[in-house]
Amino acid sequence: MNVGSRNETITIKTLLFFFIPLGLSASLVTLSHLIINGTLARAENSEVVIATYAIAMSLFTITERLAVILRQTCSTMVRDKESFRKMKFFTYYTLGVILLVTIGIAFTPIGDYIFIHIFGATEKIVEQVKATYQIAIYVTVFSGLRCLYHGIIIYNRQTKWLTIGMIIRLTVMYLVSLLFIKIGVITPKTGAYIFLIGMMVEFVISFIEARSLVRKMPNKSEDVIKSKSQIFRFYSPLMLSSIVTVLIGPIINIYLGKTENIELAIASYTIALSITQLFTSFMSYTHQIIINFYKDHEAMVKKFTLFISFIPVLLLGIFSFTSIGPFLLEHVMGVSGRLMDATIDALVIFMILAIVYPFVDYMNGLLLLQRQTKVTIFSQSTNLLITFIVLVLGVQVAVSWNGMIGALAQSIGLVAELLVLAAVVNFSKIRVNVAKLLKISRAH
């Protein structure tokens, strides 16, 4: 299906065929981390190797977020060959700036300072951390290029290629990991090399498919981008809000360090969050349904998103309140005893986040469609502020809650973000309706 068929009749089946591959590709991302961590766990000093890799990836996660939002930017802004050329130039420029900054960190004493004083690396491992990060910076480049072409694929509704690309990427990563294990030389850089090779493979697949789709696009459309600065005005608020989002995790970890049992709090929160994200990651492309279908099929999109939005909380509820959760925690993840109990307690709290998350992504989709990305800075900042307030109150009045404090803070922060988004979206609708009424009254 290409861009020329936007006014066709949309059914639930159409939306499912569009959305399920996106959800699967997002969920499969977690397997790539399992492949890498499983490989690093076979090293002689696995604890140090995994910790070193994790510290390098902590900074990588921040810079990669700036590359990943190129996907939303492209799928929203590109409608013809001319706008794609402008978007491609903007992508090259953005990734070039990111590359220069990250090279400055990776190959100078600036990196030593950041990894030691901000991310907590010891002087003994900082050189290994930097060496790992020196490889990871190129992962960011290929990730950004991949997301550029993902935007084209998503707009043309060929979302199956995201799942196909992810499956091939995971297969290659697994084969490369087996090669490293067979050779027997496993260092923190091994994880970065596996990650880089996998990302390059996914980029190539996305490039091949997107290139054929671009050829079918019109040279110019009515919704044309007049300048590259127009793209920047859309992208820059998303960039700033992403930076705000990145701060939430470290702040939660800092305050969990003030709880009654620090190790138990951080461990139970981390495990519970990873399980919650496994269920909610499937919904992380809800905004793409809005971007691609809402304008012409509002009623059907509302019905569909309402139907699928309760799936994460239902799955998390089954995991938390039945014997399935404890069984999987013990026999699959190796979690038992009081850590299992604390993790289940945190998961129950995270059900708030699971029910809110799909609606937040839905609202963000409406803002992307209306190109009101500046609102995301305010909504994410509200999330951060409320999360911080709940953390402060939590360690004051319920210090024995341990990991539950982090789960509650993150969940209530997301509720606050949803309220802000809902208020802005509803206000925009009222303003549009008033403008229409005024126009009609003037016509009469």
Protein backbone atom coordinates (compact mmCIF):
# COMPACT_ATOMS: atom_id res chain seq x y z
CA MET A 1 0.00 0.00 0.00
CA ASN A 2 1.44 3.43 -0.86
CA VAL A 3 0.66 6.99 -0.16
CA GLY A 4 -1.77 7.22 -2.97
CA SER A 5 -4.45 5.19 -1.16
CA ARG A 6 -5.19 7.31 1.90
CA ASN A 7 -8.97 7.45 1.58
CA GLU A 8 -9.67 3.72 1.42
CA THR A 9 -12.07 2.10 3.86
CA ILE A 10 -10.21 1.22 7.05
CA THR A 11 -11.10 -1.86 9.08
CA ILE A 12 -9.82 -3.28 12.34
CA LYS A 13 -7.95 -5.84 10.25
CA THR A 14 -6.13 -3.07 8.36
CA LEU A 15 -5.07 -1.40 11.58
CA LEU A 16 -3.95 -4.72 13.07
CA PHE A 17 -1.80 -5.50 10.02
CA PHE A 18 -0.26 -2.03 10.37
CA PHE A 19 0.20 -2.07 14.16
CA ILE A 20 1.16 -5.64 15.09
CA PRO A 21 4.48 -5.62 13.16
CA LEU A 22 5.38 -2.33 14.85
CA GLY A 23 4.54 -3.72 18.29
CA LEU A 24 6.47 -6.92 17.62
CA SER A 25 9.57 -5.04 16.45
CA ALA A 26 9.49 -2.93 19.63
CA SER A 27 9.11 -6.03 21.83
CA LEU A 28 11.89 -7.88 19.98
CA VAL A 29 14.36 -5.11 20.87
CA THR A 30 14.52 -6.58 24.39
CA LEU A 31 15.89 -9.81 22.93
CA SER A 32 18.89 -7.99 21.48
CA HIS A 33 19.92 -6.96 24.99
CA LEU A 34 19.42 -10.52 26.22
CA ILE A 35 21.75 -11.81 23.47
CA ILE A 36 24.46 -9.31 24.40
CA ASN A 37 24.16 -9.81 28.17
CA GLY A 38 24.09 -13.60 27.70
CA THR A 39 27.36 -13.39 25.75
CA LEU A 40 29.06 -11.08 28.26
CA ALA A 41 27.97 -13.38 31.11
CA ARG A 42 30.35 -16.00 29.69
CA ALA A 43 33.41 -13.81 30.24
CA GLU A 44 35.97 -14.80 32.89
CA ASN A 45 35.17 -11.79 35.06
CA SER A 46 31.56 -11.41 33.96
CA GLU A 47 30.47 -8.95 36.68
CA VAL A 48 33.14 -6.41 35.73
CA VAL A 49 32.61 -6.95 31.99
CA ILE A 50 28.82 -6.47 32.23
CA ALA A 51 29.17 -3.45 34.52
CA THR A 52 31.70 -1.83 32.17
CA TYR A 53 29.45 -2.39 29.15
CA ALA A 54 26.41 -1.10 31.08
CA ILE A 55 28.16 2.17 32.04
CA ALA A 56 29.16 2.82 28.42
CA MET A 57 25.60 2.07 27.29
CA SER A 58 24.18 4.50 29.88
CA LEU A 59 25.62 7.43 27.95
CA PHE A 60 24.88 5.78 24.60
CA THR A 61 21.18 5.59 25.55
CA ILE A 62 21.03 9.37 25.91
CA THR A 63 22.60 10.13 22.53
CA GLU A 64 20.65 7.39 20.72
CA ARG A 65 17.33 8.88 21.85
CA LEU A 66 18.22 11.97 19.81
CA ALA A 67 18.67 9.70 16.78
CA VAL A 68 15.54 7.59 17.36
CA ILE A 69 13.14 10.58 17.29
CA LEU A 70 14.15 11.05 13.65
CA ARG A 71 11.64 8.21 13.03
CA GLN A 72 8.65 10.23 14.25
CA THR A 73 9.96 13.33 12.51
CA CYS A 74 10.26 11.57 9.15
CA SER A 75 6.92 9.72 9.31
CA THR A 76 5.16 13.01 10.17
CA MET A 77 6.96 15.46 7.87
CA VAL A 78 7.87 13.51 4.71
CA ARG A 79 5.12 13.31 2.10
CA ASP A 80 7.01 13.51 -1.23
CA LYS A 81 10.47 13.25 -2.79
CA GLU A 82 11.24 16.91 -2.16
CA SER A 83 10.47 16.73 1.57
CA PHE A 84 12.44 13.47 1.79
CA ARG A 85 15.51 15.21 0.34
CA LYS A 86 15.21 17.93 2.98
CA MET A 87 14.68 15.34 5.72
CA LYS A 88 17.69 13.34 4.55
CA PHE A 89 19.91 16.43 4.68
CA PHE A 90 18.57 17.27 8.14
CA THR A 91 19.30 13.71 9.31
CA TYR A 92 22.88 13.84 8.03
CA TYR A 93 23.39 17.21 9.71
CA THR A 94 21.90 16.04 13.04
CA LEU A 95 23.87 12.79 13.11
CA GLY A 96 27.02 14.69 12.15
CA VAL A 97 26.63 16.98 15.16
CA ILE A 98 25.91 14.02 17.46
CA LEU A 99 28.96 12.20 16.07
CA LEU A 100 31.26 15.19 16.67
CA VAL A 101 30.04 15.58 20.26
CA THR A 102 30.31 11.86 21.06
CA ILE A 103 33.79 11.61 19.49
CA GLY A 104 34.81 14.51 21.72
CA ILE A 105 33.61 12.51 24.72
CA ALA A 106 34.98 9.14 23.61
CA PHE A 107 38.52 10.20 22.68
CA THR A 108 39.34 12.99 25.16
CA PRO A 109 39.64 13.41 28.97
CA ILE A 110 36.07 14.78 28.90
CA GLY A 111 34.94 11.16 28.69
CA ASP A 112 36.99 10.22 31.77
CA TYR A 113 35.29 12.97 33.78
CA ILE A 114 31.76 12.08 32.61
CA PHE A 115 32.11 8.32 33.14
CA ILE A 116 33.83 8.66 36.56
CA HIS A 117 31.96 11.57 38.15
CA ILE A 118 28.51 11.22 36.56
CA PHE A 119 28.12 7.51 35.78
CA GLY A 120 30.21 6.17 38.67
CA ALA A 121 32.93 4.27 36.81
CA THR A 122 36.12 3.57 38.74
CA GLU A 123 39.49 4.73 37.40
CA LYS A 124 40.40 1.05 37.00
CA ILE A 125 37.75 0.42 34.32
CA VAL A 126 37.26 3.88 32.77
CA GLU A 127 39.58 3.12 29.83
CA GLN A 128 37.57 -0.01 29.03
CA VAL A 129 34.35 2.01 29.32
CA LYS A 130 35.67 4.59 26.86
CA ALA A 131 36.89 1.88 24.47
CA THR A 132 33.40 0.34 24.51
CA TYR A 133 31.75 3.73 24.00
CA GLN A 134 34.08 4.45 21.05
CA ILE A 135 32.34 1.60 19.22
CA ALA A 136 28.86 2.48 20.50
CA ILE A 137 28.95 5.99 18.98
CA TYR A 138 28.75 4.42 15.51
CA VAL A 139 25.71 2.42 16.63
CA THR A 140 23.99 5.81 17.12
CA VAL A 141 24.79 6.82 13.53
CA PHE A 142 23.35 3.64 12.00
CA SER A 143 20.38 3.78 14.38
CA GLY A 144 19.56 7.30 13.20
CA LEU A 145 19.86 6.34 9.52
CA ARG A 146 17.69 3.29 10.17
CA CYS A 147 15.03 5.49 11.79
CA LEU A 148 15.04 7.86 8.80
CA TYR A 149 14.11 4.96 6.52
CA HIS A 150 11.73 3.52 9.12
CA GLY A 151 9.77 6.76 8.83
CA ILE A 152 9.29 6.19 5.09
CA ILE A 153 8.32 2.56 5.62
CA ILE A 154 5.79 3.42 8.33
CA TYR A 155 4.19 6.23 6.31
CA ASN A 156 3.77 3.84 3.39
CA ARG A 157 2.27 1.29 5.83
CA GLN A 158 4.78 -1.45 5.02
CA THR A 159 5.37 -2.06 8.73
CA LYS A 160 6.04 -5.78 8.23
CA TRP A 161 9.55 -4.74 7.15
CA LEU A 162 10.31 -3.43 10.65
CA THR A 163 9.58 -6.88 12.09
CA ILE A 164 11.46 -8.65 9.27
CA GLY A 165 14.44 -6.33 9.76
CA MET A 166 14.44 -6.92 13.52
CA ILE A 167 14.25 -10.71 13.14
CA ILE A 168 17.17 -10.73 10.69
CA ARG A 169 19.11 -8.38 12.97
CA LEU A 170 18.58 -10.66 15.98
CA THR A 171 19.58 -13.73 13.98
CA VAL A 172 22.84 -12.09 12.87
CA MET A 173 23.55 -10.84 16.41
CA TYR A 174 23.03 -14.34 17.78
CA LEU A 175 25.37 -15.88 15.19
CA VAL A 176 28.03 -13.24 15.89
CA SER A 177 27.68 -13.87 19.64
CA LEU A 178 28.23 -17.61 19.06
CA LEU A 179 31.37 -16.74 17.08
CA PHE A 180 32.74 -14.64 19.95
CA ILE A 181 31.92 -17.41 22.43
CA LYS A 182 33.69 -19.96 20.24
CA ILE A 183 36.78 -17.76 19.92
CA GLY A 184 36.70 -17.29 23.68
CA VAL A 185 37.70 -13.63 23.74
CA ILE A 186 34.88 -11.75 25.48
CA THR A 187 35.37 -8.17 26.67
CA PRO A 188 33.02 -5.20 27.14
CA LYS A 189 33.81 -4.23 23.53
CA THR A 190 32.35 -7.57 22.42
CA GLY A 191 28.87 -6.38 23.38
CA ALA A 192 29.35 -3.13 21.46
CA TYR A 193 30.55 -4.98 18.34
CA ILE A 194 27.53 -7.32 18.43
CA PHE A 195 25.23 -4.31 18.82
CA LEU A 196 26.92 -2.41 15.96
CA ILE A 197 26.80 -5.33 13.52
CA GLY A 198 23.11 -5.92 14.31
CA MET A 199 22.24 -2.25 13.81
CA MET A 200 24.12 -2.12 10.51
CA VAL A 201 22.16 -5.12 9.25
CA GLU A 202 18.82 -3.54 10.22
CA PHE A 203 19.87 -0.27 8.54
CA VAL A 204 20.67 -2.05 5.26
CA ILE A 205 17.29 -3.82 5.19
CA SER A 206 15.43 -0.56 5.97
CA PHE A 207 17.43 1.32 3.32
CA ILE A 208 16.67 -1.22 0.57
CA GLU A 209 12.92 -1.23 1.26
CA ALA A 210 12.59 2.54 1.80
CA ARG A 211 14.51 3.38 -1.37
CA SER A 212 11.94 1.54 -3.49
CA LEU A 213 9.09 3.30 -1.65
CA VAL A 214 10.61 6.76 -2.15
CA ARG A 215 10.70 6.16 -5.92
CA LYS A 216 6.90 5.75 -5.88
CA MET A 217 6.27 8.98 -3.95
CA PRO A 218 5.18 12.15 -5.83
CA ASN A 219 7.81 14.79 -6.54
CA LYS A 220 5.79 17.39 -4.63
CA SER A 221 2.56 17.27 -2.65
CA GLU A 222 0.24 19.86 -1.11
CA ASP A 223 1.70 19.21 2.35
CA VAL A 224 5.21 20.19 1.30
CA ILE A 225 8.01 21.19 3.69
CA LYS A 226 9.22 24.61 2.61
CA SER A 227 12.56 24.61 4.48
CA LYS A 228 14.88 22.52 6.65
CA SER A 229 14.24 24.94 9.53
CA GLN A 230 10.62 23.75 9.51
CA ILE A 231 11.89 20.24 10.27
CA PHE A 232 14.12 21.61 13.03
CA ARG A 233 11.19 23.41 14.67
CA PHE A 234 9.37 20.07 14.80
CA TYR A 235 12.41 18.04 15.92
CA SER A 236 14.01 20.32 18.53
CA PRO A 237 11.17 20.14 21.14
CA LEU A 238 11.22 16.35 20.84
CA MET A 239 14.98 16.46 21.39
CA LEU A 240 14.68 18.62 24.51
CA SER A 241 11.82 16.54 25.95
CA SER A 242 13.87 13.36 25.37
CA ILE A 243 16.69 14.84 27.45
CA VAL A 244 14.19 15.58 30.24
CA THR A 245 12.90 11.98 30.04
CA VAL A 246 16.41 10.57 30.40
CA LEU A 247 16.73 12.28 33.80
CA ILE A 248 13.83 10.33 35.34
CA GLY A 249 15.70 7.01 35.66
CA PRO A 250 18.82 8.37 37.44
CA ILE A 251 16.71 10.46 39.85
CA ILE A 252 14.65 7.42 40.83
CA ASN A 253 17.83 5.39 41.44
CA ILE A 254 19.28 8.19 43.58
CA TYR A 255 16.22 8.26 45.83
CA LEU A 256 15.94 4.48 46.02
CA GLY A 257 19.38 4.76 47.61
CA LYS A 258 17.67 6.49 50.55
CA THR A 259 15.22 3.65 51.24
CA GLU A 260 15.31 1.13 54.11
CA ASN A 261 17.02 -1.61 52.10
CA ILE A 262 18.95 -0.06 49.22
CA GLU A 263 19.99 -3.22 47.36
CA LEU A 264 16.52 -4.77 47.59
CA ALA A 265 14.86 -1.51 46.51
CA ILE A 266 17.01 -0.97 43.42
CA ALA A 267 16.98 -4.64 42.39
CA SER A 268 13.20 -5.12 42.76
CA TYR A 269 12.46 -1.81 41.01
CA THR A 270 14.82 -2.63 38.12
CA ILE A 271 13.39 -6.12 37.57
CA ALA A 272 9.79 -4.89 37.86
CA LEU A 273 10.46 -2.05 35.41
CA SER A 274 12.01 -4.40 32.84
CA ILE A 275 8.95 -6.70 33.03
CA THR A 276 6.56 -3.74 32.79
CA GLN A 277 8.43 -2.41 29.76
CA LEU A 278 8.18 -5.82 28.14
CA PHE A 279 4.38 -5.50 28.23
CA THR A 280 4.15 -1.77 27.44
CA SER A 281 6.78 -1.73 24.66
CA PHE A 282 4.21 -3.31 22.33
CA MET A 283 2.19 -0.08 22.65
CA SER A 284 5.09 2.29 21.98
CA TYR A 285 3.99 2.80 18.35
CA THR A 286 0.42 3.90 19.15
CA HIS A 287 1.37 7.41 18.01
CA GLN A 288 2.06 6.04 14.51
CA ILE A 289 -1.58 4.91 14.19
CA ILE A 290 -2.60 8.51 14.93
CA ILE A 291 -0.12 10.00 12.46
CA ASN A 292 -1.08 7.68 9.63
CA PHE A 293 -4.83 7.11 10.08
CA TYR A 294 -6.45 9.62 12.47
CA LYS A 295 -6.97 12.46 9.97
CA ASP A 296 -9.16 10.40 7.63
CA HIS A 297 -10.50 7.71 9.99
CA GLU A 298 -10.92 9.32 13.42
CA ALA A 299 -13.79 7.15 14.69
CA MET A 300 -12.15 3.84 13.72
CA VAL A 301 -8.80 4.88 15.19
CA LYS A 302 -10.43 5.82 18.51
CA LYS A 303 -12.26 2.49 18.68
CA PHE A 304 -9.12 0.50 17.81
CA THR A 305 -6.77 2.27 20.24
CA LEU A 306 -9.30 2.01 23.06
CA PHE A 307 -9.53 -1.74 22.38
CA ILE A 308 -5.78 -2.40 22.40
CA SER A 309 -4.81 0.06 25.16
CA PHE A 310 -5.96 -2.23 28.00
CA ILE A 311 -3.88 -5.21 26.85
CA PRO A 312 -0.67 -4.27 28.78
CA VAL A 313 -2.45 -3.79 32.12
CA LEU A 314 -4.39 -7.06 31.67
CA LEU A 315 -1.17 -8.99 30.95
CA LEU A 316 0.63 -7.34 33.85
CA GLY A 317 -2.33 -8.10 36.14
CA ILE A 318 -2.21 -11.79 35.17
CA PHE A 319 1.54 -11.80 35.80
CA SER A 320 1.21 -10.09 39.19
CA PHE A 321 -1.88 -11.76 40.67
CA THR A 322 -1.54 -15.36 39.50
CA SER A 323 1.09 -18.06 39.96
CA ILE A 324 2.41 -17.33 36.45
CA GLY A 325 4.47 -14.35 37.67
CA PRO A 326 6.29 -16.08 40.55
CA PHE A 327 6.91 -19.16 38.36
CA LEU A 328 8.54 -17.15 35.57
CA LEU A 329 10.48 -14.97 38.00
CA GLU A 330 11.98 -18.01 39.72
CA HIS A 331 12.51 -20.42 36.82
CA VAL A 332 13.27 -18.02 33.97
CA MET A 333 14.86 -15.01 35.67
CA GLY A 334 16.30 -16.74 38.73
CA VAL A 335 14.52 -14.39 41.17
CA SER A 336 13.31 -15.88 44.45
CA GLY A 337 12.74 -15.19 48.15
CA ARG A 338 12.18 -11.66 49.37
CA LEU A 339 13.43 -10.20 46.05
CA MET A 340 10.57 -12.00 44.29
CA ASP A 341 8.05 -10.65 46.81
CA ALA A 342 9.40 -7.11 46.49
CA THR A 343 9.33 -7.35 42.69
CA ILE A 344 5.70 -8.51 42.66
CA ASP A 345 4.79 -5.62 45.02
CA ALA A 346 6.43 -3.15 42.62
CA LEU A 347 4.69 -4.76 39.63
CA VAL A 348 1.28 -4.23 41.25
CA ILE A 349 2.07 -0.50 41.53
CA PHE A 350 3.35 -0.45 37.94
CA MET A 351 -0.13 -1.46 36.77
CA ILE A 352 -0.95 2.27 37.02
CA LEU A 353 1.79 2.99 34.48
CA ALA A 354 0.65 0.10 32.26
CA ILE A 355 -2.88 1.48 31.97
CA VAL A 356 -1.75 5.09 31.42
CA TYR A 357 1.15 4.57 28.99
CA PRO A 358 -0.90 3.73 25.83
CA PHE A 359 -3.05 6.84 26.31
CA VAL A 360 0.06 9.03 26.74
CA ASP A 361 1.40 7.72 23.43
CA TYR A 362 -2.02 8.30 21.86
CA MET A 363 -2.04 11.93 23.00
CA ASN A 364 1.53 12.41 21.82
CA GLY A 365 0.42 11.10 18.43
CA LEU A 366 -2.22 13.84 18.24
CA LEU A 367 0.41 16.46 19.05
CA LEU A 368 2.75 15.05 16.39
CA LEU A 369 -0.09 15.11 13.87
CA GLN A 370 -0.83 18.75 14.74
CA ARG A 371 2.95 19.47 14.83
CA GLN A 372 2.64 20.89 18.35
CA THR A 373 5.82 19.23 19.59
CA LYS A 374 6.66 22.13 21.91
CA VAL A 375 4.00 20.81 24.29
CA THR A 376 6.09 17.67 24.91
CA ILE A 377 8.72 19.75 26.73
CA PHE A 378 6.10 20.97 29.20
CA SER A 379 4.42 17.56 29.61
CA GLN A 380 7.71 15.71 30.15
CA SER A 381 8.92 18.39 32.58
CA THR A 382 5.68 17.97 34.55
CA ASN A 383 6.31 14.22 34.62
CA LEU A 384 9.83 14.78 35.96
CA LEU A 385 8.66 17.28 38.61
CA ILE A 386 5.83 15.07 39.93
CA THR A 387 8.11 12.01 39.90
CA PHE A 388 10.62 13.95 42.01
CA ILE A 389 7.94 15.14 44.49
CA VAL A 390 6.55 11.61 44.96
CA LEU A 391 10.09 10.27 45.51
CA VAL A 392 10.83 12.89 48.17
CA LEU A 393 7.55 12.21 49.96
CA GLY A 394 7.99 8.46 49.58
CA VAL A 395 11.37 8.27 51.30
CA GLN A 396 9.99 10.49 54.08
CA VAL A 397 6.75 8.70 54.91
CA ALA A 398 7.07 5.17 53.45
CA VAL A 399 10.78 4.32 53.47
CA SER A 400 10.01 0.61 53.99
CA TRP A 401 8.21 0.44 50.62
CA ASN A 402 11.63 0.12 48.94
CA GLY A 403 11.19 -0.53 45.17
CA MET A 404 7.48 0.33 45.36
CA ILE A 405 8.46 3.98 45.90
CA GLY A 406 10.19 4.09 42.52
CA ALA A 407 7.27 2.34 40.81
CA LEU A 408 4.75 4.73 42.39
CA ALA A 409 6.78 7.84 41.53
CA GLN A 410 7.22 6.82 37.89
CA SER A 411 3.55 5.87 37.55
CA ILE A 412 2.16 9.05 39.13
CA GLY A 413 4.61 11.12 37.03
CA LEU A 414 3.16 9.55 33.89
CA VAL A 415 -0.40 10.21 35.11
CA ALA A 416 0.55 13.89 35.48
CA GLU A 417 1.97 13.89 31.95
CA LEU A 418 -1.27 12.41 30.61
CA LEU A 419 -3.35 15.10 32.34
CA VAL A 420 -1.24 17.85 30.78
CA LEU A 421 -1.46 16.27 27.32
CA ALA A 422 -5.22 15.74 27.62
CA ALA A 423 -5.76 19.35 28.69
CA VAL A 424 -3.72 20.72 25.77
CA VAL A 425 -5.37 18.43 23.19
CA ASN A 426 -8.89 19.24 24.41
CA PHE A 427 -8.11 22.97 24.48
CA SER A 428 -6.87 22.75 20.88
CA LYS A 429 -10.08 21.01 19.82
CA ILE A 430 -12.23 23.69 21.51
CA ARG A 431 -10.20 26.42 19.81
CA VAL A 432 -10.61 24.77 16.39
CA ASN A 433 -14.38 24.33 16.90
CA VAL A 434 -14.79 27.98 17.97
CA ALA A 435 -12.84 29.10 14.89
CA LYS A 436 -15.16 27.03 12.67
CA LEU A 437 -18.28 28.52 14.30
CA LEU A 438 -16.92 32.05 13.85
CA LYS A 439 -16.16 31.33 10.21
CA ILE A 440 -19.70 30.02 9.64
CA SER A 441 -21.31 33.00 11.41
CA ARG A 442 -19.27 35.45 9.32
CA ALA A 443 -20.30 33.64 6.14
CA HIS A 444 -23.98 34.20 7.05
